[in-house]
């Protein structure tokens, strides 16, 4: 008992905790042995052993050449001799056409339908006739302009010299353009009309609350952006008239008549007294005159002649006292009755 150490004393002195077993130190690794000529390395021995145990690789097979007999060799030599003797430019012999193998069951032959009879030959086209040559317009000076007078049969009777004041004025394109624009604008009724949002009938209450609906904010059902609402900046009834002086309009009509008189396109119809409207009579007269179309027939309170002209697609009628610049410029020839001619020259 006396030989055993006192655990209580060792504990008080700070040595009461048992000591941990000490791990033995590792032996140092041996350095790898370098292979020498007398002693090869271990890895080399192992690879040599595996290579010795592996089966030997089979050699690659070679195709055996067919045995060439003496007959085949002789035939080949003869062919080569023939090819060398033949000219190089000679074409190669054509290959024979292949024949289709006969089928087991021959298909029955179907008789081909007889060819239809040849269609009759189309007649030769007629040569197009030469286009009619228009008569060259003769520009006459202001003091030499005349109007040709024709009777009811279309024969020329005489010539009437035209006054310089009425048929000798030089044309002004700008004034003619303004006059035609004014006449066309005066024909517009200008009755197009639309309603604004203030003229549409409907409630003025707000459609739904401003916020919380998730929809776009909306005020009135009569808004131009909604279907059935008013029209923004729409047309309203108005006048399209263009301002043109009375003297300028009268001068423009004189210029238009002077232009037709300069080209010799004014004709006077004498004795054109019809008891009843007759389109055929007027058509025969205008065809006999042989004048350029379209044609303007000027009358003065002559409804029978006017009704005879209105069914002709190449002619129109106009009153002498209400003649427009557009009518004169639109037609190439002007045929005037004796009654209307006196109005034109005296106007």
C-alpha atoms as a PDB file:
ATOM      1  CA  UNK A   1       0.000   0.000   0.000  1.00  0.00           C
ATOM      2  CA  UNK A   2       2.869   2.339   0.733  1.00  0.00           C
ATOM      3  CA  UNK A   3       4.309   1.930  -2.764  1.00  0.00           C
ATOM      4  CA  UNK A   4       1.125   3.224  -4.547  1.00  0.00           C
ATOM      5  CA  UNK A   5       1.113   6.957  -5.247  1.00  0.00           C
ATOM      6  CA  UNK A   6      -1.530   9.076  -3.569  1.00  0.00           C
ATOM      7  CA  UNK A   7      -4.084  10.116  -6.139  1.00  0.00           C
ATOM      8  CA  UNK A   8      -5.439  12.804  -3.865  1.00  0.00           C
ATOM      9  CA  UNK A   9      -2.116  14.486  -3.571  1.00  0.00           C
ATOM     10  CA  UNK A  10      -1.469  14.304  -7.297  1.00  0.00           C
ATOM     11  CA  UNK A  11      -4.864  15.805  -8.007  1.00  0.00           C
ATOM     12  CA  UNK A  12      -4.284  18.727  -5.767  1.00  0.00           C
ATOM     13  CA  UNK A  13      -0.956  19.379  -7.384  1.00  0.00           C
ATOM     14  CA  UNK A  14      -2.551  19.357 -10.871  1.00  0.00           C
ATOM     15  CA  UNK A  15      -1.272  15.967 -11.917  1.00  0.00           C
ATOM     16  CA  UNK A  16      -4.387  13.971 -11.156  1.00  0.00           C
ATOM     17  CA  UNK A  17      -5.501  13.654 -14.889  1.00  0.00           C
ATOM     18  CA  UNK A  18      -4.365  10.383 -16.491  1.00  0.00           C
ATOM     19  CA  UNK A  19      -1.721  10.740 -19.225  1.00  0.00           C
ATOM     20  CA  UNK A  20      -2.758  10.075 -22.912  1.00  0.00           C
ATOM     21  CA  UNK A  21      -0.968   7.210 -24.671  1.00  0.00           C
ATOM     22  CA  UNK A  22       1.805   8.486 -26.870  1.00  0.00           C
ATOM     23  CA  UNK A  23       1.679   7.406 -30.553  1.00  0.00           C
ATOM     24  CA  UNK A  24       4.869   5.816 -31.770  1.00  0.00           C
ATOM     25  CA  UNK A  25       6.767   7.788 -34.350  1.00  0.00           C
ATOM     26  CA  UNK A  26       6.449   6.647 -37.968  1.00  0.00           C
ATOM     27  CA  UNK A  27       9.429   5.128 -39.578  1.00  0.00           C
ATOM     28  CA  UNK A  28      10.799   7.227 -42.451  1.00  0.00           C
ATOM     29  CA  UNK A  29       9.789   6.181 -45.948  1.00  0.00           C
ATOM     30  CA  UNK A  30      12.370   4.361 -47.953  1.00  0.00           C
ATOM     31  CA  UNK A  31      13.632   6.143 -50.973  1.00  0.00           C
ATOM     32  CA  UNK A  32      12.601   4.492 -54.274  1.00  0.00           C
ATOM     33  CA  UNK A  33      15.248   2.290 -55.653  1.00  0.00           C
ATOM     34  CA  UNK A  34      16.541   3.536 -58.975  1.00  0.00           C
ATOM     35  CA  UNK A  35      16.655   0.998 -61.736  1.00  0.00           C
ATOM     36  CA  UNK A  36      20.146   0.050 -62.856  1.00  0.00           C
ATOM     37  CA  UNK A  37      21.483  -2.106 -65.558  1.00  0.00           C
ATOM     38  CA  UNK A  38      21.942  -5.029 -63.148  1.00  0.00           C
ATOM     39  CA  UNK A  39      18.632  -4.565 -61.291  1.00  0.00           C
ATOM     40  CA  UNK A  40      15.562  -3.256 -63.230  1.00  0.00           C
ATOM     41  CA  UNK A  41      12.739  -1.404 -61.498  1.00  0.00           C
ATOM     42  CA  UNK A  42       9.709  -3.257 -60.154  1.00  0.00           C
ATOM     43  CA  UNK A  43       7.302  -1.553 -62.579  1.00  0.00           C
ATOM     44  CA  UNK A  44       9.415  -2.562 -65.522  1.00  0.00           C
ATOM     45  CA  UNK A  45       9.324  -6.184 -64.415  1.00  0.00           C
ATOM     46  CA  UNK A  46       5.554  -6.103 -64.165  1.00  0.00           C
ATOM     47  CA  UNK A  47       5.012  -4.587 -67.673  1.00  0.00           C
ATOM     48  CA  UNK A  48       7.463  -7.058 -69.204  1.00  0.00           C
ATOM     49  CA  UNK A  49       5.587  -9.930 -67.609  1.00  0.00           C
ATOM     50  CA  UNK A  50       2.207  -8.696 -68.958  1.00  0.00           C
ATOM     51  CA  UNK A  51       3.653  -8.247 -72.417  1.00  0.00           C
ATOM     52  CA  UNK A  52       5.054 -11.780 -72.372  1.00  0.00           C
ATOM     53  CA  UNK A  53       1.687 -13.278 -71.381  1.00  0.00           C
ATOM     54  CA  UNK A  54      -0.296 -11.293 -74.083  1.00  0.00           C
ATOM     55  CA  UNK A  55      -1.082 -13.253 -77.264  1.00  0.00           C
ATOM     56  CA  UNK A  56       0.872 -12.322 -80.376  1.00  0.00           C
ATOM     57  CA  UNK A  57      -0.963  -9.972 -82.843  1.00  0.00           C
ATOM     58  CA  UNK A  58      -2.210 -11.551 -86.056  1.00  0.00           C
ATOM     59  CA  UNK A  59      -0.693 -10.227 -89.273  1.00  0.00           C
ATOM     60  CA  UNK A  60      -3.053  -8.273 -91.661  1.00  0.00           C
ATOM     61  CA  UNK A  61      -4.661 -10.410 -94.309  1.00  0.00           C
ATOM     62  CA  UNK A  62      -3.789  -9.776 -97.909  1.00  0.00           C
ATOM     63  CA  UNK A  63      -6.158 -10.518-100.740  1.00  0.00           C
ATOM     64  CA  UNK A  64      -4.892 -13.258-102.892  1.00  0.00           C
ATOM     65  CA  UNK A  65      -4.386 -12.238-106.493  1.00  0.00           C
ATOM     66  CA  UNK A  66      -6.238 -14.417-108.974  1.00  0.00           C
ATOM     67  CA  UNK A  67      -4.060 -16.669-110.936  1.00  0.00           C
ATOM     68  CA  UNK A  68      -3.544 -15.367-114.443  1.00  0.00           C
ATOM     69  CA  UNK A  69      -3.721 -18.077-117.037  1.00  0.00           C
ATOM     70  CA  UNK A  70      -1.750 -17.980-120.220  1.00  0.00           C
ATOM     71  CA  UNK A  71      -4.922 -17.567-122.324  1.00  0.00           C
ATOM     72  CA  UNK A  72      -6.089 -14.514-120.364  1.00  0.00           C
ATOM     73  CA  UNK A  73      -2.624 -12.931-120.531  1.00  0.00           C
ATOM     74  CA  UNK A  74      -2.494 -13.411-124.310  1.00  0.00           C
ATOM     75  CA  UNK A  75      -5.953 -11.896-124.772  1.00  0.00           C
ATOM     76  CA  UNK A  76      -5.038  -8.880-122.611  1.00  0.00           C
ATOM     77  CA  UNK A  77      -1.869  -8.259-124.595  1.00  0.00           C
ATOM     78  CA  UNK A  78      -3.816  -8.397-127.877  1.00  0.00           C
ATOM     79  CA  UNK A  79      -6.349  -5.850-126.623  1.00  0.00           C
ATOM     80  CA  UNK A  80      -3.604  -3.456-125.488  1.00  0.00           C
ATOM     81  CA  UNK A  81      -1.898  -3.733-128.878  1.00  0.00           C
ATOM     82  CA  UNK A  82      -5.179  -2.956-130.675  1.00  0.00           C
ATOM     83  CA  UNK A  83      -5.902   0.063-128.403  1.00  0.00           C
ATOM     84  CA  UNK A  84      -2.437   1.521-129.018  1.00  0.00           C
ATOM     85  CA  UNK A  85      -2.800   1.116-132.799  1.00  0.00           C
ATOM     86  CA  UNK A  86      -6.275   2.779-132.848  1.00  0.00           C
ATOM     87  CA  UNK A  87      -6.375   6.615-133.221  1.00  0.00           C
ATOM     88  CA  UNK A  88      -6.892   8.512-129.983  1.00  0.00           C
ATOM     89  CA  UNK A  89      -9.545  10.811-131.460  1.00  0.00           C
ATOM     90  CA  UNK A  90     -11.948   7.987-132.324  1.00  0.00           C
ATOM     91  CA  UNK A  91     -15.100   8.127-130.162  1.00  0.00           C
ATOM     92  CA  UNK A  92     -15.827   5.361-127.720  1.00  0.00           C
ATOM     93  CA  UNK A  93     -18.305   2.731-128.957  1.00  0.00           C
ATOM     94  CA  UNK A  94     -21.869   3.440-127.840  1.00  0.00           C
ATOM     95  CA  UNK A  95     -23.276   1.185-125.179  1.00  0.00           C
ATOM     96  CA  UNK A  96     -26.114  -1.048-126.332  1.00  0.00           C
ATOM     97  CA  UNK A  97     -29.516   0.010-125.068  1.00  0.00           C
ATOM     98  CA  UNK A  98     -30.782  -2.030-122.167  1.00  0.00           C
ATOM     99  CA  UNK A  99     -33.793  -4.141-122.764  1.00  0.00           C
ATOM    100  CA  UNK A 100     -36.433  -4.376-120.142  1.00  0.00           C
ATOM    101  CA  UNK A 101     -36.966  -7.831-118.778  1.00  0.00           C
ATOM    102  CA  UNK A 102     -40.208  -9.343-119.963  1.00  0.00           C
ATOM    103  CA  UNK A 103     -42.783  -9.508-117.180  1.00  0.00           C
ATOM    104  CA  UNK A 104     -44.335 -12.793-116.150  1.00  0.00           C
ATOM    105  CA  UNK A 105     -47.702 -11.791-117.529  1.00  0.00           C
ATOM    106  CA  UNK A 106     -47.738  -9.659-120.636  1.00  0.00           C
ATOM    107  CA  UNK A 107     -50.095  -6.698-120.236  1.00  0.00           C
ATOM    108  CA  UNK A 108     -52.905  -6.662-122.765  1.00  0.00           C
ATOM    109  CA  UNK A 109     -52.369  -4.175-125.513  1.00  0.00           C
ATOM    110  CA  UNK A 110     -54.783  -1.267-125.467  1.00  0.00           C
ATOM    111  CA  UNK A 111     -55.802   0.133-128.787  1.00  0.00           C
ATOM    112  CA  UNK A 112     -54.766   3.778-129.095  1.00  0.00           C
ATOM    113  CA  UNK A 113     -57.610   6.179-129.807  1.00  0.00           C
ATOM    114  CA  UNK A 114     -57.718   7.516-133.293  1.00  0.00           C
ATOM    115  CA  UNK A 115     -56.235  10.964-133.685  1.00  0.00           C
ATOM    116  CA  UNK A 116     -58.865  13.674-134.135  1.00  0.00           C
ATOM    117  CA  UNK A 117     -59.133  15.313-137.453  1.00  0.00           C
ATOM    118  CA  UNK A 118     -56.899  18.300-137.906  1.00  0.00           C
ATOM    119  CA  UNK A 119     -58.579  21.577-137.021  1.00  0.00           C
ATOM    120  CA  UNK A 120     -59.309  23.831-139.951  1.00  0.00           C
ATOM    121  CA  UNK A 121     -56.604  26.345-140.611  1.00  0.00           C
ATOM    122  CA  UNK A 122     -57.272  29.776-139.161  1.00  0.00           C
ATOM    123  CA  UNK A 123     -57.866  32.446-141.754  1.00  0.00           C
ATOM    124  CA  UNK A 124     -55.019  34.871-142.203  1.00  0.00           C
ATOM    125  CA  UNK A 125     -55.359  38.038-140.200  1.00  0.00           C
ATOM    126  CA  UNK A 126     -56.308  41.100-142.101  1.00  0.00           C
ATOM    127  CA  UNK A 127     -53.715  43.786-142.199  1.00  0.00           C
ATOM    128  CA  UNK A 128     -54.553  46.629-139.865  1.00  0.00           C
ATOM    129  CA  UNK A 129     -55.739  49.652-141.688  1.00  0.00           C
ATOM    130  CA  UNK A 130     -53.633  52.746-141.359  1.00  0.00           C
ATOM    131  CA  UNK A 131     -54.886  55.088-138.636  1.00  0.00           C
ATOM    132  CA  UNK A 132     -56.870  58.018-139.805  1.00  0.00           C
ATOM    133  CA  UNK A 133     -54.676  61.032-140.250  1.00  0.00           C
ATOM    134  CA  UNK A 134     -56.045  64.018-138.420  1.00  0.00           C
ATOM    135  CA  UNK A 135     -56.207  67.253-140.289  1.00  0.00           C
ATOM    136  CA  UNK A 136     -53.557  69.634-139.147  1.00  0.00           C
ATOM    137  CA  UNK A 137     -55.008  72.523-137.207  1.00  0.00           C
ATOM    138  CA  UNK A 138     -54.540  75.754-139.076  1.00  0.00           C
ATOM    139  CA  UNK A 139     -53.772  78.638-136.753  1.00  0.00           C
ATOM    140  CA  UNK A 140     -55.261  81.745-138.240  1.00  0.00           C
ATOM    141  CA  UNK A 141     -54.477  85.322-137.184  1.00  0.00           C
ATOM    142  CA  UNK A 142     -57.135  87.288-135.325  1.00  0.00           C
ATOM    143  CA  UNK A 143     -58.322  89.265-138.363  1.00  0.00           C
ATOM    144  CA  UNK A 144     -58.690  86.201-140.617  1.00  0.00           C
ATOM    145  CA  UNK A 145     -60.782  83.914-138.430  1.00  0.00           C
ATOM    146  CA  UNK A 146     -64.028  82.671-139.977  1.00  0.00           C
ATOM    147  CA  UNK A 147     -66.900  80.323-139.169  1.00  0.00           C
ATOM    148  CA  UNK A 148     -68.039  77.771-141.782  1.00  0.00           C
ATOM    149  CA  UNK A 149     -71.784  77.730-142.472  1.00  0.00           C
ATOM    150  CA  UNK A 150     -73.489  74.400-143.351  1.00  0.00           C
ATOM    151  CA  UNK A 151     -77.027  73.600-144.375  1.00  0.00           C
ATOM    152  CA  UNK A 152     -79.223  70.789-143.008  1.00  0.00           C
ATOM    153  CA  UNK A 153     -77.603  68.276-145.413  1.00  0.00           C
ATOM    154  CA  UNK A 154     -74.068  69.025-144.192  1.00  0.00           C
ATOM    155  CA  UNK A 155     -72.939  70.947-147.256  1.00  0.00           C
ATOM    156  CA  UNK A 156     -70.898  74.116-146.843  1.00  0.00           C
ATOM    157  CA  UNK A 157     -72.788  77.219-147.856  1.00  0.00           C
ATOM    158  CA  UNK A 158     -70.564  80.157-146.973  1.00  0.00           C
ATOM    159  CA  UNK A 159     -68.051  81.588-144.510  1.00  0.00           C
ATOM    160  CA  UNK A 160     -68.745  84.236-141.906  1.00  0.00           C
ATOM    161  CA  UNK A 161     -65.944  86.429-140.698  1.00  0.00           C
ATOM    162  CA  UNK A 162     -65.642  86.539-136.910  1.00  0.00           C
ATOM    163  CA  UNK A 163     -65.170  89.771-134.973  1.00  0.00           C
ATOM    164  CA  UNK A 164     -61.787  90.407-133.432  1.00  0.00           C
ATOM    165  CA  UNK A 165     -63.332  91.704-130.193  1.00  0.00           C
ATOM    166  CA  UNK A 166     -65.195  88.431-129.561  1.00  0.00           C
ATOM    167  CA  UNK A 167     -63.035  85.793-131.284  1.00  0.00           C
ATOM    168  CA  UNK A 168     -59.575  87.392-131.538  1.00  0.00           C
ATOM    169  CA  UNK A 169     -58.324  87.460-127.943  1.00  0.00           C
ATOM    170  CA  UNK A 170     -55.060  85.783-126.925  1.00  0.00           C
ATOM    171  CA  UNK A 171     -55.553  83.047-124.324  1.00  0.00           C
ATOM    172  CA  UNK A 172     -54.226  83.411-120.785  1.00  0.00           C
ATOM    173  CA  UNK A 173     -53.743  80.020-119.134  1.00  0.00           C
ATOM    174  CA  UNK A 174     -53.899  81.360-115.574  1.00  0.00           C
ATOM    175  CA  UNK A 175     -57.184  83.167-116.137  1.00  0.00           C
ATOM    176  CA  UNK A 176     -58.713  80.154-117.880  1.00  0.00           C
ATOM    177  CA  UNK A 177     -57.638  77.914-115.018  1.00  0.00           C
ATOM    178  CA  UNK A 178     -59.171  80.238-112.437  1.00  0.00           C
ATOM    179  CA  UNK A 179     -62.432  80.434-114.376  1.00  0.00           C
ATOM    180  CA  UNK A 180     -62.732  76.650-114.680  1.00  0.00           C
ATOM    181  CA  UNK A 181     -61.984  76.190-110.977  1.00  0.00           C
ATOM    182  CA  UNK A 182     -64.631  78.757-110.068  1.00  0.00           C
ATOM    183  CA  UNK A 183     -67.247  77.017-112.247  1.00  0.00           C
ATOM    184  CA  UNK A 184     -66.506  73.606-110.789  1.00  0.00           C
ATOM    185  CA  UNK A 185     -66.530  74.915-107.212  1.00  0.00           C
ATOM    186  CA  UNK A 186     -69.854  76.675-107.761  1.00  0.00           C
ATOM    187  CA  UNK A 187     -71.452  73.325-108.647  1.00  0.00           C
ATOM    188  CA  UNK A 188     -70.618  71.878-105.233  1.00  0.00           C
ATOM    189  CA  UNK A 189     -73.593  71.881-102.908  1.00  0.00           C
ATOM    190  CA  UNK A 190     -71.471  71.914 -99.749  1.00  0.00           C
ATOM    191  CA  UNK A 191     -74.173  70.112 -97.767  1.00  0.00           C
ATOM    192  CA  UNK A 192     -71.918  67.645 -95.887  1.00  0.00           C
ATOM    193  CA  UNK A 193     -72.603  67.874 -92.160  1.00  0.00           C
ATOM    194  CA  UNK A 194     -71.664  66.065 -88.938  1.00  0.00           C
ATOM    195  CA  UNK A 195     -72.614  66.470 -85.257  1.00  0.00           C
ATOM    196  CA  UNK A 196     -70.218  67.456 -82.526  1.00  0.00           C
ATOM    197  CA  UNK A 197     -70.333  66.062 -78.994  1.00  0.00           C
ATOM    198  CA  UNK A 198     -72.537  68.974 -77.984  1.00  0.00           C
ATOM    199  CA  UNK A 199     -75.136  68.108 -80.650  1.00  0.00           C
ATOM    200  CA  UNK A 200     -75.345  64.382 -79.907  1.00  0.00           C
ATOM    201  CA  UNK A 201     -78.295  63.331 -77.770  1.00  0.00           C
ATOM    202  CA  UNK A 202     -77.273  61.449 -74.643  1.00  0.00           C
ATOM    203  CA  UNK A 203     -76.518  61.683 -70.952  1.00  0.00           C
ATOM    204  CA  UNK A 204     -73.778  63.906 -69.610  1.00  0.00           C
ATOM    205  CA  UNK A 205     -73.256  61.808 -66.462  1.00  0.00           C
ATOM    206  CA  UNK A 206     -69.906  60.223 -65.787  1.00  0.00           C
ATOM    207  CA  UNK A 207     -69.962  56.590 -66.919  1.00  0.00           C
ATOM    208  CA  UNK A 208     -68.250  55.133 -63.841  1.00  0.00           C
ATOM    209  CA  UNK A 209     -66.051  56.272 -60.991  1.00  0.00           C
ATOM    210  CA  UNK A 210     -62.618  57.682 -61.657  1.00  0.00           C
ATOM    211  CA  UNK A 211     -60.539  55.109 -59.768  1.00  0.00           C
ATOM    212  CA  UNK A 212     -60.765  51.522 -58.666  1.00  0.00           C
ATOM    213  CA  UNK A 213     -62.353  49.908 -61.708  1.00  0.00           C
ATOM    214  CA  UNK A 214     -59.144  49.086 -63.572  1.00  0.00           C
ATOM    215  CA  UNK A 215     -60.533  50.639 -66.719  1.00  0.00           C
ATOM    216  CA  UNK A 216     -59.472  53.775 -68.525  1.00  0.00           C
ATOM    217  CA  UNK A 217     -60.997  56.909 -67.098  1.00  0.00           C
ATOM    218  CA  UNK A 218     -64.075  58.081 -68.979  1.00  0.00           C
ATOM    219  CA  UNK A 219     -66.318  61.093 -68.585  1.00  0.00           C
ATOM    220  CA  UNK A 220     -69.054  61.444 -71.196  1.00  0.00           C
ATOM    221  CA  UNK A 221     -70.634  58.837 -73.437  1.00  0.00           C
ATOM    222  CA  UNK A 222     -70.667  61.478 -76.212  1.00  0.00           C
ATOM    223  CA  UNK A 223     -66.878  61.693 -76.391  1.00  0.00           C
ATOM    224  CA  UNK A 224     -65.473  61.570 -79.977  1.00  0.00           C
ATOM    225  CA  UNK A 225     -63.296  58.609 -78.952  1.00  0.00           C
ATOM    226  CA  UNK A 226     -66.325  56.422 -78.178  1.00  0.00           C
ATOM    227  CA  UNK A 227     -68.625  54.641 -80.613  1.00  0.00           C
ATOM    228  CA  UNK A 228     -71.752  56.698 -81.193  1.00  0.00           C
ATOM    229  CA  UNK A 229     -70.106  59.839 -79.922  1.00  0.00           C
ATOM    230  CA  UNK A 230     -69.668  63.147 -81.656  1.00  0.00           C
ATOM    231  CA  UNK A 231     -67.308  63.884 -84.545  1.00  0.00           C
ATOM    232  CA  UNK A 232     -64.288  66.063 -83.932  1.00  0.00           C
ATOM    233  CA  UNK A 233     -63.511  68.597 -86.650  1.00  0.00           C
ATOM    234  CA  UNK A 234     -66.098  67.132 -89.017  1.00  0.00           C
ATOM    235  CA  UNK A 235     -67.496  68.940 -92.081  1.00  0.00           C
ATOM    236  CA  UNK A 236     -70.256  71.504 -91.793  1.00  0.00           C
ATOM    237  CA  UNK A 237     -72.401  72.985 -94.580  1.00  0.00           C
ATOM    238  CA  UNK A 238     -70.448  75.708 -96.301  1.00  0.00           C
ATOM    239  CA  UNK A 239     -69.949  77.381 -99.665  1.00  0.00           C
ATOM    240  CA  UNK A 240     -67.058  76.409-101.942  1.00  0.00           C
ATOM    241  CA  UNK A 241     -67.430  79.394-104.249  1.00  0.00           C
ATOM    242  CA  UNK A 242     -64.277  81.066-105.526  1.00  0.00           C
ATOM    243  CA  UNK A 243     -64.218  84.813-105.946  1.00  0.00           C
ATOM    244  CA  UNK A 244     -63.764  85.847-109.573  1.00  0.00           C
ATOM    245  CA  UNK A 245     -64.652  89.219-111.049  1.00  0.00           C
ATOM    246  CA  UNK A 246     -67.466  89.431-113.543  1.00  0.00           C
ATOM    247  CA  UNK A 247     -65.257  91.034-116.186  1.00  0.00           C
ATOM    248  CA  UNK A 248     -62.590  88.346-115.666  1.00  0.00           C
ATOM    249  CA  UNK A 249     -65.176  85.564-116.151  1.00  0.00           C
ATOM    250  CA  UNK A 250     -66.481  87.238-119.331  1.00  0.00           C
ATOM    251  CA  UNK A 251     -62.922  87.628-120.614  1.00  0.00           C
ATOM    252  CA  UNK A 252     -62.149  83.947-119.921  1.00  0.00           C
ATOM    253  CA  UNK A 253     -65.136  82.856-122.038  1.00  0.00           C
ATOM    254  CA  UNK A 254     -63.967  85.136-124.846  1.00  0.00           C
ATOM    255  CA  UNK A 255     -60.479  83.568-124.652  1.00  0.00           C
ATOM    256  CA  UNK A 256     -61.933  80.051-124.876  1.00  0.00           C
ATOM    257  CA  UNK A 257     -64.048  80.923-127.955  1.00  0.00           C
ATOM    258  CA  UNK A 258     -61.058  82.683-129.537  1.00  0.00           C
ATOM    259  CA  UNK A 259     -58.926  79.560-129.105  1.00  0.00           C
ATOM    260  CA  UNK A 260     -61.482  77.433-130.959  1.00  0.00           C
ATOM    261  CA  UNK A 261     -61.863  80.073-133.660  1.00  0.00           C
ATOM    262  CA  UNK A 262     -58.093  80.185-134.133  1.00  0.00           C
ATOM    263  CA  UNK A 263     -58.097  76.481-135.022  1.00  0.00           C
ATOM    264  CA  UNK A 264     -61.136  76.834-137.341  1.00  0.00           C
ATOM    265  CA  UNK A 265     -63.373  74.666-135.114  1.00  0.00           C
ATOM    266  CA  UNK A 266     -66.512  76.855-135.066  1.00  0.00           C
ATOM    267  CA  UNK A 267     -69.359  75.850-137.391  1.00  0.00           C
ATOM    268  CA  UNK A 268     -72.790  77.358-137.966  1.00  0.00           C
ATOM    269  CA  UNK A 269     -75.774  75.094-138.751  1.00  0.00           C
ATOM    270  CA  UNK A 270     -78.329  76.833-140.946  1.00  0.00           C
ATOM    271  CA  UNK A 271     -81.891  75.610-141.406  1.00  0.00           C
ATOM    272  CA  UNK A 272     -81.799  73.260-138.427  1.00  0.00           C
ATOM    273  CA  UNK A 273     -85.539  73.385-137.746  1.00  0.00           C
ATOM    274  CA  UNK A 274     -86.908  70.145-136.302  1.00  0.00           C
ATOM    275  CA  UNK A 275     -90.587  69.573-135.581  1.00  0.00           C
ATOM    276  CA  UNK A 276     -89.837  66.701-133.181  1.00  0.00           C
ATOM    277  CA  UNK A 277     -86.692  65.461-131.461  1.00  0.00           C
ATOM    278  CA  UNK A 278     -84.694  63.216-133.804  1.00  0.00           C
ATOM    279  CA  UNK A 279     -81.330  61.839-132.730  1.00  0.00           C
ATOM    280  CA  UNK A 280     -80.792  60.206-136.131  1.00  0.00           C
ATOM    281  CA  UNK A 281     -81.151  63.529-137.944  1.00  0.00           C
ATOM    282  CA  UNK A 282     -78.587  65.240-135.745  1.00  0.00           C
ATOM    283  CA  UNK A 283     -76.267  62.258-136.018  1.00  0.00           C
ATOM    284  CA  UNK A 284     -76.395  62.337-139.825  1.00  0.00           C
ATOM    285  CA  UNK A 285     -75.690  66.054-139.837  1.00  0.00           C
ATOM    286  CA  UNK A 286     -72.672  65.810-137.531  1.00  0.00           C
ATOM    287  CA  UNK A 287     -71.287  62.815-139.446  1.00  0.00           C
ATOM    288  CA  UNK A 288     -71.657  64.739-142.717  1.00  0.00           C
ATOM    289  CA  UNK A 289     -69.690  67.659-141.290  1.00  0.00           C
ATOM    290  CA  UNK A 290     -66.742  65.292-140.605  1.00  0.00           C
ATOM    291  CA  UNK A 291     -65.483  67.285-137.649  1.00  0.00           C
ATOM    292  CA  UNK A 292     -63.384  66.334-134.616  1.00  0.00           C
ATOM    293  CA  UNK A 293     -65.182  64.927-131.590  1.00  0.00           C
ATOM    294  CA  UNK A 294     -66.329  65.638-128.928  1.00  0.00           C
ATOM    295  CA  UNK A 295     -68.779  68.224-130.229  1.00  0.00           C
ATOM    296  CA  UNK A 296     -70.581  71.028-128.397  1.00  0.00           C
ATOM    297  CA  UNK A 297     -73.940  72.018-129.920  1.00  0.00           C
ATOM    298  CA  UNK A 298     -74.893  75.545-128.801  1.00  0.00           C
ATOM    299  CA  UNK A 299     -78.568  76.455-128.859  1.00  0.00           C
ATOM    300  CA  UNK A 300     -80.694  79.384-127.684  1.00  0.00           C
ATOM    301  CA  UNK A 301     -83.997  78.271-126.223  1.00  0.00           C
ATOM    302  CA  UNK A 302     -84.317  75.400-128.740  1.00  0.00           C
ATOM    303  CA  UNK A 303     -85.419  72.361-126.684  1.00  0.00           C
ATOM    304  CA  UNK A 304     -86.106  70.147-129.718  1.00  0.00           C
ATOM    305  CA  UNK A 305     -82.513  70.391-130.919  1.00  0.00           C
ATOM    306  CA  UNK A 306     -81.195  69.958-127.365  1.00  0.00           C
ATOM    307  CA  UNK A 307     -83.231  66.784-126.847  1.00  0.00           C
ATOM    308  CA  UNK A 308     -81.999  65.415-130.199  1.00  0.00           C
ATOM    309  CA  UNK A 309     -78.376  65.786-129.113  1.00  0.00           C
ATOM    310  CA  UNK A 310     -78.460  64.443-125.568  1.00  0.00           C
ATOM    311  CA  UNK A 311     -78.444  60.756-126.603  1.00  0.00           C
ATOM    312  CA  UNK A 312     -75.276  61.106-128.695  1.00  0.00           C
ATOM    313  CA  UNK A 313     -72.280  59.839-126.711  1.00  0.00           C
ATOM    314  CA  UNK A 314     -69.838  62.086-128.551  1.00  0.00           C
ATOM    315  CA  UNK A 315     -71.822  65.343-128.290  1.00  0.00           C
ATOM    316  CA  UNK A 316     -73.368  67.589-125.651  1.00  0.00           C
ATOM    317  CA  UNK A 317     -75.526  70.667-125.716  1.00  0.00           C
ATOM    318  CA  UNK A 318     -75.275  74.069-124.053  1.00  0.00           C
ATOM    319  CA  UNK A 319     -77.279  77.290-123.924  1.00  0.00           C
ATOM    320  CA  UNK A 320     -75.647  80.331-125.512  1.00  0.00           C
ATOM    321  CA  UNK A 321     -76.629  82.634-122.645  1.00  0.00           C
ATOM    322  CA  UNK A 322     -75.304  80.219-119.994  1.00  0.00           C
ATOM    323  CA  UNK A 323     -72.248  78.900-121.799  1.00  0.00           C
ATOM    324  CA  UNK A 324     -69.347  77.968-119.511  1.00  0.00           C
ATOM    325  CA  UNK A 325     -65.621  78.094-120.100  1.00  0.00           C
ATOM    326  CA  UNK A 326     -65.295  74.443-119.102  1.00  0.00           C
ATOM    327  CA  UNK A 327     -67.764  73.318-121.785  1.00  0.00           C
ATOM    328  CA  UNK A 328     -65.928  75.206-124.541  1.00  0.00           C
ATOM    329  CA  UNK A 329     -62.510  73.880-123.519  1.00  0.00           C
ATOM    330  CA  UNK A 330     -63.755  70.307-123.045  1.00  0.00           C
ATOM    331  CA  UNK A 331     -65.002  69.977-126.646  1.00  0.00           C
ATOM    332  CA  UNK A 332     -62.867  70.161-129.775  1.00  0.00           C
ATOM    333  CA  UNK A 333     -65.581  71.390-132.157  1.00  0.00           C
ATOM    334  CA  UNK A 334     -68.441  73.837-131.653  1.00  0.00           C
ATOM    335  CA  UNK A 335     -71.607  73.708-133.767  1.00  0.00           C
ATOM    336  CA  UNK A 336     -73.835  76.774-133.287  1.00  0.00           C
ATOM    337  CA  UNK A 337     -77.360  77.282-134.528  1.00  0.00           C
ATOM    338  CA  UNK A 338     -78.145  80.551-136.346  1.00  0.00           C
ATOM    339  CA  UNK A 339     -80.179  81.811-133.413  1.00  0.00           C
ATOM    340  CA  UNK A 340     -77.402  81.042-130.899  1.00  0.00           C
ATOM    341  CA  UNK A 341     -74.723  82.525-133.190  1.00  0.00           C
ATOM    342  CA  UNK A 342     -76.406  85.907-133.133  1.00  0.00           C
ATOM    343  CA  UNK A 343     -76.372  85.773-129.310  1.00  0.00           C
ATOM    344  CA  UNK A 344     -72.661  84.891-129.174  1.00  0.00           C
ATOM    345  CA  UNK A 345     -71.579  87.605-131.576  1.00  0.00           C
ATOM    346  CA  UNK A 346     -73.776  90.266-129.988  1.00  0.00           C
ATOM    347  CA  UNK A 347     -72.849  89.449-126.390  1.00  0.00           C
END
